[in-house]
Amino acid sequence: MAHHQRREVEDCLNLFEQQKQSGLTAVAFCRQQQINVQTYYTRRRDIRLQRTHSKFVHVKREVTKVESHTEETGGELLLQLRSAHLSVPTNVSPHWLATVMKALAE
């Protein structure tokens, strides 16, 4: 069966080349050769897809493990800006902290 499919593909490729060499549009060529235009385009699309799929290369995915750790400190974060000091707990919301820092920078 694989031999039959290969032969069919070769026949189609020859037909596509004949159409190209004829200088006719695919529709005009199909009419001249009494070939169903839809079948012509379907075969051409299928063969192109087969060739595209065979060009894919399997790539092995590498996974890198990243380790992180935190150190427990006194439980508070001290922010200093010039003579101002702000002490906040380490579990404070990052969004809230960013809002405070933006306000202090103004």
PDB file of N, CA and C in Angstrom:
ATOM      1  N   MET A   1       0.816  -1.186   0.000  1.00  0.00           N
ATOM      2  CA  MET A   1       0.000   0.000   0.000  1.00  0.00           C
ATOM      3  C   MET A   1       0.866   1.259   0.000  1.00  0.00           C
ATOM      4  N   ALA A   2       1.991   1.256   0.740  1.00  0.00           N
ATOM      5  CA  ALA A   2       2.886   2.405   0.775  1.00  0.00           C
ATOM      6  C   ALA A   2       3.455   2.675  -0.611  1.00  0.00           C
ATOM      7  N   HIS A   3       3.736   1.600  -1.350  1.00  0.00           N
ATOM      8  CA  HIS A   3       4.254   1.752  -2.707  1.00  0.00           C
ATOM      9  C   HIS A   3       3.222   2.443  -3.587  1.00  0.00           C
ATOM     10  N   HIS A   4       1.952   2.057  -3.426  1.00  0.00           N
ATOM     11  CA  HIS A   4       0.865   2.658  -4.202  1.00  0.00           C
ATOM     12  C   HIS A   4       0.752   4.154  -3.888  1.00  0.00           C
ATOM     13  N   GLN A   5       0.834   4.508  -2.598  1.00  0.00           N
ATOM     14  CA  GLN A   5       0.748   5.917  -2.204  1.00  0.00           C
ATOM     15  C   GLN A   5       1.923   6.712  -2.756  1.00  0.00           C
ATOM     16  N   ARG A   6       3.115   6.112  -2.702  1.00  0.00           N
ATOM     17  CA  ARG A   6       4.303   6.787  -3.216  1.00  0.00           C
ATOM     18  C   ARG A   6       4.158   7.041  -4.714  1.00  0.00           C
ATOM     19  N   ARG A   7       3.637   6.041  -5.416  1.00  0.00           N
ATOM     20  CA  ARG A   7       3.430   6.162  -6.862  1.00  0.00           C
ATOM     21  C   ARG A   7       2.416   7.265  -7.157  1.00  0.00           C
ATOM     22  N   GLU A   8       1.356   7.314  -6.359  1.00  0.00           N
ATOM     23  CA  GLU A   8       0.333   8.337  -6.544  1.00  0.00           C
ATOM     24  C   GLU A   8       0.927   9.735  -6.321  1.00  0.00           C
ATOM     25  N   VAL A   9       1.769   9.875  -5.317  1.00  0.00           N
ATOM     26  CA  VAL A   9       2.421  11.166  -5.050  1.00  0.00           C
ATOM     27  C   VAL A   9       3.328  11.542  -6.212  1.00  0.00           C
ATOM     28  N   GLU A  10       4.097  10.586  -6.714  1.00  0.00           N
ATOM     29  CA  GLU A  10       4.973  10.856  -7.862  1.00  0.00           C
ATOM     30  C   GLU A  10       4.156  11.285  -9.076  1.00  0.00           C
ATOM     31  N   ASP A  11       3.038  10.608  -9.311  1.00  0.00           N
ATOM     32  CA  ASP A  11       2.163  10.970 -10.433  1.00  0.00           C
ATOM     33  C   ASP A  11       1.637  12.392 -10.266  1.00  0.00           C
ATOM     34  N   CYS A  12       1.227  12.729  -9.062  1.00  0.00           N
ATOM     35  CA  CYS A  12       0.715  14.078  -8.803  1.00  0.00           C
ATOM     36  C   CYS A  12       1.804  15.120  -8.996  1.00  0.00           C
ATOM     37  N   LEU A  13       3.003  14.832  -8.498  1.00  0.00           N
ATOM     38  CA  LEU A  13       4.112  15.781  -8.664  1.00  0.00           C
ATOM     39  C   LEU A  13       4.423  16.000 -10.139  1.00  0.00           C
ATOM     40  N   ASN A  14       4.385  14.923 -10.923  1.00  0.00           N
ATOM     41  CA  ASN A  14       4.594  15.050 -12.372  1.00  0.00           C
ATOM     42  C   ASN A  14       3.499  15.901 -13.003  1.00  0.00           C
ATOM     43  N   LEU A  15       2.281  15.703 -12.561  1.00  0.00           N
ATOM     44  CA  LEU A  15       1.156  16.473 -13.078  1.00  0.00           C
ATOM     45  C   LEU A  15       1.308  17.960 -12.729  1.00  0.00           C
ATOM     46  N   PHE A  16       1.721  18.246 -11.496  1.00  0.00           N
ATOM     47  CA  PHE A  16       1.927  19.641 -11.088  1.00  0.00           C
ATOM     48  C   PHE A  16       3.024  20.294 -11.926  1.00  0.00           C
ATOM     49  N   GLU A  17       4.074  19.534 -12.199  1.00  0.00           N
ATOM     50  CA  GLU A  17       5.170  20.048 -13.025  1.00  0.00           C
ATOM     51  C   GLU A  17       4.696  20.295 -14.450  1.00  0.00           C
ATOM     52  N   GLN A  18       3.885  19.398 -14.989  1.00  0.00           N
ATOM     53  CA  GLN A  18       3.334  19.590 -16.338  1.00  0.00           C
ATOM     54  C   GLN A  18       2.503  20.868 -16.394  1.00  0.00           C
ATOM     55  N   GLN A  19       1.708  21.088 -15.364  1.00  0.00           N
ATOM     56  CA  GLN A  19       0.889  22.301 -15.322  1.00  0.00           C
ATOM     57  C   GLN A  19       1.776  23.535 -15.297  1.00  0.00           C
ATOM     58  N   LYS A  20       2.819  23.499 -14.511  1.00  0.00           N
ATOM     59  CA  LYS A  20       3.739  24.634 -14.405  1.00  0.00           C
ATOM     60  C   LYS A  20       4.411  24.903 -15.750  1.00  0.00           C
ATOM     61  N   GLN A  21       4.881  23.839 -16.399  1.00  0.00           N
ATOM     62  CA  GLN A  21       5.571  23.971 -17.686  1.00  0.00           C
ATOM     63  C   GLN A  21       4.626  24.422 -18.800  1.00  0.00           C
ATOM     64  N   SER A  22       3.340  24.119 -18.658  1.00  0.00           N
ATOM     65  CA  SER A  22       2.384  24.456 -19.720  1.00  0.00           C
ATOM     66  C   SER A  22       2.134  25.956 -19.821  1.00  0.00           C
ATOM     67  N   GLY A  23       2.385  26.672 -18.722  1.00  0.00           N
ATOM     68  CA  GLY A  23       2.110  28.103 -18.722  1.00  0.00           C
ATOM     69  C   GLY A  23       0.641  28.420 -18.507  1.00  0.00           C
ATOM     70  N   LEU A  24      -0.175  27.397 -18.398  1.00  0.00           N
ATOM     71  CA  LEU A  24      -1.607  27.582 -18.167  1.00  0.00           C
ATOM     72  C   LEU A  24      -1.879  27.731 -16.674  1.00  0.00           C
ATOM     73  N   THR A  25      -2.989  28.368 -16.360  1.00  0.00           N
ATOM     74  CA  THR A  25      -3.411  28.390 -14.965  1.00  0.00           C
ATOM     75  C   THR A  25      -3.821  26.976 -14.582  1.00  0.00           C
ATOM     76  N   ALA A  26      -3.909  26.736 -13.288  1.00  0.00           N
ATOM     77  CA  ALA A  26      -4.310  25.405 -12.829  1.00  0.00           C
ATOM     78  C   ALA A  26      -5.698  25.048 -13.355  1.00  0.00           C
ATOM     79  N   VAL A  27      -6.595  26.018 -13.361  1.00  0.00           N
ATOM     80  CA  VAL A  27      -7.962  25.762 -13.830  1.00  0.00           C
ATOM     81  C   VAL A  27      -7.963  25.410 -15.314  1.00  0.00           C
ATOM     82  N   ALA A  28      -7.237  26.202 -16.123  1.00  0.00           N
ATOM     83  CA  ALA A  28      -7.190  25.940 -17.571  1.00  0.00           C
ATOM     84  C   ALA A  28      -6.526  24.599 -17.854  1.00  0.00           C
ATOM     85  N   PHE A  29      -5.451  24.294 -17.127  1.00  0.00           N
ATOM     86  CA  PHE A  29      -4.755  23.019 -17.304  1.00  0.00           C
ATOM     87  C   PHE A  29      -5.682  21.851 -16.968  1.00  0.00           C
ATOM     88  N   CYS A  30      -6.408  21.973 -15.859  1.00  0.00           N
ATOM     89  CA  CYS A  30      -7.322  20.899 -15.452  1.00  0.00           C
ATOM     90  C   CYS A  30      -8.426  20.696 -16.488  1.00  0.00           C
ATOM     91  N   ARG A  31      -8.930  21.785 -17.023  1.00  0.00           N
ATOM     92  CA  ARG A  31      -9.958  21.655 -18.067  1.00  0.00           C
ATOM     93  C   ARG A  31      -9.393  20.935 -19.286  1.00  0.00           C
ATOM     94  N   GLN A  32      -8.182  21.339 -19.675  1.00  0.00           N
ATOM     95  CA  GLN A  32      -7.550  20.739 -20.855  1.00  0.00           C
ATOM     96  C   GLN A  32      -7.309  19.244 -20.646  1.00  0.00           C
ATOM     97  N   GLN A  33      -6.879  18.871 -19.444  1.00  0.00           N
ATOM     98  CA  GLN A  33      -6.554  17.475 -19.139  1.00  0.00           C
ATOM     99  C   GLN A  33      -7.761  16.685 -18.613  1.00  0.00           C
ATOM    100  N   GLN A  34      -8.894  17.360 -18.503  1.00  0.00           N
ATOM    101  CA  GLN A  34     -10.123  16.756 -17.977  1.00  0.00           C
ATOM    102  C   GLN A  34      -9.917  16.205 -16.561  1.00  0.00           C
ATOM    103  N   ILE A  35      -9.344  17.069 -15.722  1.00  0.00           N
ATOM    104  CA  ILE A  35      -9.091  16.735 -14.316  1.00  0.00           C
ATOM    105  C   ILE A  35     -10.009  17.609 -13.465  1.00  0.00           C
ATOM    106  N   ASN A  36     -10.571  17.041 -12.431  1.00  0.00           N
ATOM    107  CA  ASN A  36     -11.399  17.811 -11.509  1.00  0.00           C
ATOM    108  C   ASN A  36     -10.510  18.830 -10.791  1.00  0.00           C
ATOM    109  N   VAL A  37     -10.865  20.104 -10.892  1.00  0.00           N
ATOM    110  CA  VAL A  37     -10.047  21.180 -10.315  1.00  0.00           C
ATOM    111  C   VAL A  37      -9.940  21.035  -8.801  1.00  0.00           C
ATOM    112  N   GLN A  38     -11.036  20.705  -8.157  1.00  0.00           N
ATOM    113  CA  GLN A  38     -11.026  20.556  -6.698  1.00  0.00           C
ATOM    114  C   GLN A  38     -10.084  19.429  -6.273  1.00  0.00           C
ATOM    115  N   THR A  39     -10.096  18.333  -7.013  1.00  0.00           N
ATOM    116  CA  THR A  39      -9.193  17.216  -6.716  1.00  0.00           C
ATOM    117  C   THR A  39      -7.741  17.645  -6.891  1.00  0.00           C
ATOM    118  N   TYR A  40      -7.463  18.393  -7.954  1.00  0.00           N
ATOM    119  CA  TYR A  40      -6.110  18.898  -8.220  1.00  0.00           C
ATOM    120  C   TYR A  40      -5.609  19.715  -7.024  1.00  0.00           C
ATOM    121  N   TYR A  41      -6.419  20.693  -6.595  1.00  0.00           N
ATOM    122  CA  TYR A  41      -6.010  21.549  -5.480  1.00  0.00           C
ATOM    123  C   TYR A  41      -5.904  20.776  -4.165  1.00  0.00           C
ATOM    124  N   THR A  42      -6.795  19.826  -3.954  1.00  0.00           N
ATOM    125  CA  THR A  42      -6.752  19.017  -2.732  1.00  0.00           C
ATOM    126  C   THR A  42      -5.481  18.183  -2.678  1.00  0.00           C
ATOM    127  N   ARG A  43      -5.147  17.527  -3.790  1.00  0.00           N
ATOM    128  CA  ARG A  43      -3.917  16.717  -3.837  1.00  0.00           C
ATOM    129  C   ARG A  43      -2.679  17.596  -3.615  1.00  0.00           C
ATOM    130  N   ARG A  44      -2.675  18.764  -4.244  1.00  0.00           N
ATOM    131  CA  ARG A  44      -1.526  19.673  -4.109  1.00  0.00           C
ATOM    132  C   ARG A  44      -1.366  20.105  -2.652  1.00  0.00           C
ATOM    133  N   ARG A  45      -2.478  20.452  -2.007  1.00  0.00           N
ATOM    134  CA  ARG A  45      -2.427  20.859  -0.601  1.00  0.00           C
ATOM    135  C   ARG A  45      -1.942  19.711   0.288  1.00  0.00           C
ATOM    136  N   ASP A  46      -2.490  18.518   0.067  1.00  0.00           N
ATOM    137  CA  ASP A  46      -2.111  17.360   0.883  1.00  0.00           C
ATOM    138  C   ASP A  46      -0.626  17.038   0.756  1.00  0.00           C
ATOM    139  N   ILE A  47      -0.112  17.092  -0.457  1.00  0.00           N
ATOM    140  CA  ILE A  47       1.309  16.794  -0.674  1.00  0.00           C
ATOM    141  C   ILE A  47       2.178  17.857  -0.016  1.00  0.00           C
ATOM    142  N   ARG A  48       1.779  19.111  -0.114  1.00  0.00           N
ATOM    143  CA  ARG A  48       2.542  20.184   0.552  1.00  0.00           C
ATOM    144  C   ARG A  48       2.546  19.985   2.062  1.00  0.00           C
ATOM    145  N   LEU A  49       1.403  19.608   2.617  1.00  0.00           N
ATOM    146  CA  LEU A  49       1.329  19.366   4.059  1.00  0.00           C
ATOM    147  C   LEU A  49       2.210  18.195   4.471  1.00  0.00           C
ATOM    148  N   GLN A  50       2.214  17.128   3.676  1.00  0.00           N
ATOM    149  CA  GLN A  50       3.068  15.972   3.974  1.00  0.00           C
ATOM    150  C   GLN A  50       4.530  16.383   3.992  1.00  0.00           C
ATOM    151  N   ARG A  51       4.913  17.181   3.022  1.00  0.00           N
ATOM    152  CA  ARG A  51       6.316  17.610   2.946  1.00  0.00           C
ATOM    153  C   ARG A  51       6.666  18.541   4.094  1.00  0.00           C
ATOM    154  N   THR A  52       5.738  19.392   4.501  1.00  0.00           N
ATOM    155  CA  THR A  52       5.978  20.297   5.621  1.00  0.00           C
ATOM    156  C   THR A  52       6.131  19.511   6.910  1.00  0.00           C
ATOM    157  N   HIS A  53       5.248  18.537   7.139  1.00  0.00           N
ATOM    158  CA  HIS A  53       5.316  17.748   8.364  1.00  0.00           C
ATOM    159  C   HIS A  53       6.613  16.952   8.446  1.00  0.00           C
ATOM    160  N   SER A  54       7.117  16.497   7.342  1.00  0.00           N
ATOM    161  CA  SER A  54       8.332  15.688   7.378  1.00  0.00           C
ATOM    162  C   SER A  54       9.570  16.535   7.652  1.00  0.00           C
ATOM    163  N   LYS A  55       9.455  17.864   7.572  1.00  0.00           N
ATOM    164  CA  LYS A  55      10.605  18.734   7.820  1.00  0.00           C
ATOM    165  C   LYS A  55      10.743  19.112   9.290  1.00  0.00           C
ATOM    166  N   PHE A  56       9.762  18.740  10.104  1.00  0.00           N
ATOM    167  CA  PHE A  56       9.852  19.061  11.514  1.00  0.00           C
ATOM    168  C   PHE A  56      10.920  18.204  12.173  1.00  0.00           C
ATOM    169  N   VAL A  57      11.629  18.794  13.098  1.00  0.00           N
ATOM    170  CA  VAL A  57      12.669  18.097  13.833  1.00  0.00           C
ATOM    171  C   VAL A  57      12.234  18.031  15.292  1.00  0.00           C
ATOM    172  N   HIS A  58      12.329  16.863  15.867  1.00  0.00           N
ATOM    173  CA  HIS A  58      11.965  16.698  17.269  1.00  0.00           C
ATOM    174  C   HIS A  58      13.063  17.314  18.131  1.00  0.00           C
ATOM    175  N   VAL A  59      12.680  18.215  19.005  1.00  0.00           N
ATOM    176  CA  VAL A  59      13.638  18.895  19.874  1.00  0.00           C
ATOM    177  C   VAL A  59      13.387  18.442  21.301  1.00  0.00           C
ATOM    178  N   LYS A  60      14.460  18.066  21.967  1.00  0.00           N
ATOM    179  CA  LYS A  60      14.333  17.617  23.342  1.00  0.00           C
ATOM    180  C   LYS A  60      14.291  18.841  24.252  1.00  0.00           C
ATOM    181  N   ARG A  61      13.308  18.869  25.113  1.00  0.00           N
ATOM    182  CA  ARG A  61      13.151  19.994  26.027  1.00  0.00           C
ATOM    183  C   ARG A  61      14.013  19.765  27.257  1.00  0.00           C
ATOM    184  N   GLU A  62      14.753  20.782  27.636  1.00  0.00           N
ATOM    185  CA  GLU A  62      15.567  20.689  28.838  1.00  0.00           C
ATOM    186  C   GLU A  62      14.881  21.459  29.957  1.00  0.00           C
ATOM    187  N   VAL A  63      14.882  20.885  31.125  1.00  0.00           N
ATOM    188  CA  VAL A  63      14.276  21.532  32.277  1.00  0.00           C
ATOM    189  C   VAL A  63      15.382  21.892  33.254  1.00  0.00           C
ATOM    190  N   THR A  64      15.395  23.141  33.644  1.00  0.00           N
ATOM    191  CA  THR A  64      16.382  23.602  34.606  1.00  0.00           C
ATOM    192  C   THR A  64      15.675  23.864  35.925  1.00  0.00           C
ATOM    193  N   LYS A  65      16.158  23.257  36.973  1.00  0.00           N
ATOM    194  CA  LYS A  65      15.559  23.472  38.285  1.00  0.00           C
ATOM    195  C   LYS A  65      16.214  24.684  38.932  1.00  0.00           C
ATOM    196  N   VAL A  66      15.384  25.535  39.473  1.00  0.00           N
ATOM    197  CA  VAL A  66      15.871  26.723  40.156  1.00  0.00           C
ATOM    198  C   VAL A  66      15.455  26.620  41.612  1.00  0.00           C
ATOM    199  N   GLU A  67      16.414  26.791  42.472  1.00  0.00           N
ATOM    200  CA  GLU A  67      16.112  26.736  43.897  1.00  0.00           C
ATOM    201  C   GLU A  67      16.143  28.150  44.460  1.00  0.00           C
ATOM    202  N   SER A  68      15.240  28.413  45.338  1.00  0.00           N
ATOM    203  CA  SER A  68      15.259  29.711  46.008  1.00  0.00           C
ATOM    204  C   SER A  68      15.029  29.483  47.492  1.00  0.00           C
ATOM    205  N   HIS A  69      15.536  30.377  48.265  1.00  0.00           N
ATOM    206  CA  HIS A  69      15.323  30.278  49.701  1.00  0.00           C
ATOM    207  C   HIS A  69      15.283  31.686  50.287  1.00  0.00           C
ATOM    208  N   THR A  70      14.636  31.792  51.398  1.00  0.00           N
ATOM    209  CA  THR A  70      14.557  33.075  52.085  1.00  0.00           C
ATOM    210  C   THR A  70      15.091  32.898  53.489  1.00  0.00           C
ATOM    211  N   GLU A  71      15.609  33.968  53.984  1.00  0.00           N
ATOM    212  CA  GLU A  71      16.108  33.937  55.353  1.00  0.00           C
ATOM    213  C   GLU A  71      15.116  34.664  56.240  1.00  0.00           C
ATOM    214  N   GLU A  72      14.843  34.086  57.359  1.00  0.00           N
ATOM    215  CA  GLU A  72      13.977  34.752  58.321  1.00  0.00           C
ATOM    216  C   GLU A  72      14.792  35.832  59.014  1.00  0.00           C
ATOM    217  N   THR A  73      14.272  37.033  58.949  1.00  0.00           N
ATOM    218  CA  THR A  73      14.935  38.137  59.651  1.00  0.00           C
ATOM    219  C   THR A  73      14.046  38.547  60.807  1.00  0.00           C
ATOM    220  N   GLY A  74      14.255  39.708  61.284  1.00  0.00           N
ATOM    221  CA  GLY A  74      13.513  40.197  62.442  1.00  0.00           C
ATOM    222  C   GLY A  74      12.023  40.329  62.207  1.00  0.00           C
ATOM    223  N   GLY A  75      11.547  40.076  61.002  1.00  0.00           N
ATOM    224  CA  GLY A  75      10.124  40.168  60.758  1.00  0.00           C
ATOM    225  C   GLY A  75       9.683  41.550  60.322  1.00  0.00           C
ATOM    226  N   GLU A  76      10.614  42.483  60.180  1.00  0.00           N
ATOM    227  CA  GLU A  76      10.261  43.825  59.744  1.00  0.00           C
ATOM    228  C   GLU A  76      11.238  44.303  58.686  1.00  0.00           C
ATOM    229  N   LEU A  77      10.714  45.160  57.834  1.00  0.00           N
ATOM    230  CA  LEU A  77      11.506  45.750  56.765  1.00  0.00           C
ATOM    231  C   LEU A  77      11.637  47.231  57.085  1.00  0.00           C
ATOM    232  N   LEU A  78      12.852  47.744  57.090  1.00  0.00           N
ATOM    233  CA  LEU A  78      13.084  49.143  57.423  1.00  0.00           C
ATOM    234  C   LEU A  78      13.423  49.903  56.153  1.00  0.00           C
ATOM    235  N   LEU A  79      12.603  50.885  55.822  1.00  0.00           N
ATOM    236  CA  LEU A  79      12.834  51.733  54.657  1.00  0.00           C
ATOM    237  C   LEU A  79      13.318  53.085  55.153  1.00  0.00           C
ATOM    238  N   GLN A  80      14.402  53.555  54.531  1.00  0.00           N
ATOM    239  CA  GLN A  80      14.939  54.849  54.934  1.00  0.00           C
ATOM    240  C   GLN A  80      15.058  55.740  53.709  1.00  0.00           C
ATOM    241  N   LEU A  81      14.609  56.970  53.841  1.00  0.00           N
ATOM    242  CA  LEU A  81      14.761  57.966  52.796  1.00  0.00           C
ATOM    243  C   LEU A  81      15.134  59.263  53.489  1.00  0.00           C
ATOM    244  N   ARG A  82      16.373  59.666  53.289  1.00  0.00           N
ATOM    245  CA  ARG A  82      16.937  60.827  53.978  1.00  0.00           C
ATOM    246  C   ARG A  82      16.740  60.662  55.485  1.00  0.00           C
ATOM    247  N   SER A  83      15.965  61.526  56.093  1.00  0.00           N
ATOM    248  CA  SER A  83      15.800  61.419  57.551  1.00  0.00           C
ATOM    249  C   SER A  83      14.538  60.659  57.947  1.00  0.00           C
ATOM    250  N   ALA A  84      13.780  60.166  56.947  1.00  0.00           N
ATOM    251  CA  ALA A  84      12.542  59.445  57.252  1.00  0.00           C
ATOM    252  C   ALA A  84      12.815  57.953  57.369  1.00  0.00           C
ATOM    253  N   HIS A  85      12.155  57.306  58.300  1.00  0.00           N
ATOM    254  CA  HIS A  85      12.279  55.865  58.516  1.00  0.00           C
ATOM    255  C   HIS A  85      10.876  55.264  58.534  1.00  0.00           C
ATOM    256  N   LEU A  86      10.711  54.151  57.838  1.00  0.00           N
ATOM    257  CA  LEU A  86       9.424  53.453  57.834  1.00  0.00           C
ATOM    258  C   LEU A  86       9.692  51.979  58.079  1.00  0.00           C
ATOM    259  N   SER A  87       9.067  51.450  59.092  1.00  0.00           N
ATOM    260  CA  SER A  87       9.228  50.045  59.431  1.00  0.00           C
ATOM    261  C   SER A  87       7.914  49.331  59.107  1.00  0.00           C
ATOM    262  N   VAL A  88       7.995  48.286  58.251  1.00  0.00           N
ATOM    263  CA  VAL A  88       6.796  47.534  57.863  1.00  0.00           C
ATOM    264  C   VAL A  88       7.064  46.047  58.052  1.00  0.00           C
ATOM    265  N   PRO A  89       6.018  45.271  58.305  1.00  0.00           N
ATOM    266  CA  PRO A  89       6.223  43.825  58.453  1.00  0.00           C
ATOM    267  C   PRO A  89       6.645  43.206  57.114  1.00  0.00           C
ATOM    268  N   THR A  90       7.370  42.128  57.154  1.00  0.00           N
ATOM    269  CA  THR A  90       7.860  41.493  55.923  1.00  0.00           C
ATOM    270  C   THR A  90       6.748  40.840  55.124  1.00  0.00           C
ATOM    271  N   ASN A  91       5.602  40.623  55.715  1.00  0.00           N
ATOM    272  CA  ASN A  91       4.500  40.010  54.977  1.00  0.00           C
ATOM    273  C   ASN A  91       3.545  41.057  54.396  1.00  0.00           C
ATOM    274  N   VAL A  92       4.000  42.302  54.303  1.00  0.00           N
ATOM    275  CA  VAL A  92       3.169  43.375  53.759  1.00  0.00           C
ATOM    276  C   VAL A  92       2.927  43.130  52.264  1.00  0.00           C
ATOM    277  N   SER A  93       1.802  43.588  51.759  1.00  0.00           N
ATOM    278  CA  SER A  93       1.459  43.423  50.346  1.00  0.00           C
ATOM    279  C   SER A  93       2.450  44.185  49.463  1.00  0.00           C
ATOM    280  N   PRO A  94       3.030  43.537  48.472  1.00  0.00           N
ATOM    281  CA  PRO A  94       3.959  44.235  47.569  1.00  0.00           C
ATOM    282  C   PRO A  94       3.289  45.411  46.860  1.00  0.00           C
ATOM    283  N   HIS A  95       2.007  45.281  46.566  1.00  0.00           N
ATOM    284  CA  HIS A  95       1.282  46.364  45.902  1.00  0.00           C
ATOM    285  C   HIS A  95       1.195  47.590  46.824  1.00  0.00           C
ATOM    286  N   TRP A  96       0.867  47.342  48.077  1.00  0.00           N
ATOM    287  CA  TRP A  96       0.778  48.434  49.038  1.00  0.00           C
ATOM    288  C   TRP A  96       2.137  49.099  49.211  1.00  0.00           C
ATOM    289  N   LEU A  97       3.174  48.293  49.316  1.00  0.00           N
ATOM    290  CA  LEU A  97       4.521  48.822  49.491  1.00  0.00           C
ATOM    291  C   LEU A  97       4.941  49.661  48.288  1.00  0.00           C
ATOM    292  N   ALA A  98       4.617  49.211  47.065  1.00  0.00           N
ATOM    293  CA  ALA A  98       4.942  49.977  45.857  1.00  0.00           C
ATOM    294  C   ALA A  98       4.204  51.306  45.856  1.00  0.00           C
ATOM    295  N   THR A  99       2.950  51.310  46.310  1.00  0.00           N
ATOM    296  CA  THR A  99       2.170  52.548  46.379  1.00  0.00           C
ATOM    297  C   THR A  99       2.808  53.530  47.354  1.00  0.00           C
ATOM    298  N   VAL A 100       3.229  53.045  48.508  1.00  0.00           N
ATOM    299  CA  VAL A 100       3.888  53.898  49.499  1.00  0.00           C
ATOM    300  C   VAL A 100       5.187  54.457  48.941  1.00  0.00           C
ATOM    301  N   MET A 101       5.975  53.612  48.282  1.00  0.00           N
ATOM    302  CA  MET A 101       7.267  54.064  47.744  1.00  0.00           C
ATOM    303  C   MET A 101       7.070  55.114  46.659  1.00  0.00           C
ATOM    304  N   LYS A 102       6.050  54.945  45.815  1.00  0.00           N
ATOM    305  CA  LYS A 102       5.762  55.954  44.789  1.00  0.00           C
ATOM    306  C   LYS A 102       5.372  57.273  45.439  1.00  0.00           C
ATOM    307  N   ALA A 103       4.549  57.186  46.474  1.00  0.00           N
ATOM    308  CA  ALA A 103       4.112  58.403  47.167  1.00  0.00           C
ATOM    309  C   ALA A 103       5.293  59.110  47.819  1.00  0.00           C
ATOM    310  N   LEU A 104       6.212  58.356  48.400  1.00  0.00           N
ATOM    311  CA  LEU A 104       7.386  58.956  49.035  1.00  0.00           C
ATOM    312  C   LEU A 104       8.339  59.575  48.019  1.00  0.00           C
ATOM    313  N   ALA A 105       8.365  59.026  46.811  1.00  0.00           N
ATOM    314  CA  ALA A 105       9.283  59.524  45.783  1.00  0.00           C
ATOM    315  C   ALA A 105       8.809  60.842  45.184  1.00  0.00           C
ATOM    316  N   GLU A 106       7.532  61.185  45.368  1.00  0.00           N
ATOM    317  CA  GLU A 106       6.994  62.421  44.770  1.00  0.00           C
ATOM    318  C   GLU A 106       7.419  63.641  45.519  1.00  0.00           C
TER     319      GLU A 106
END
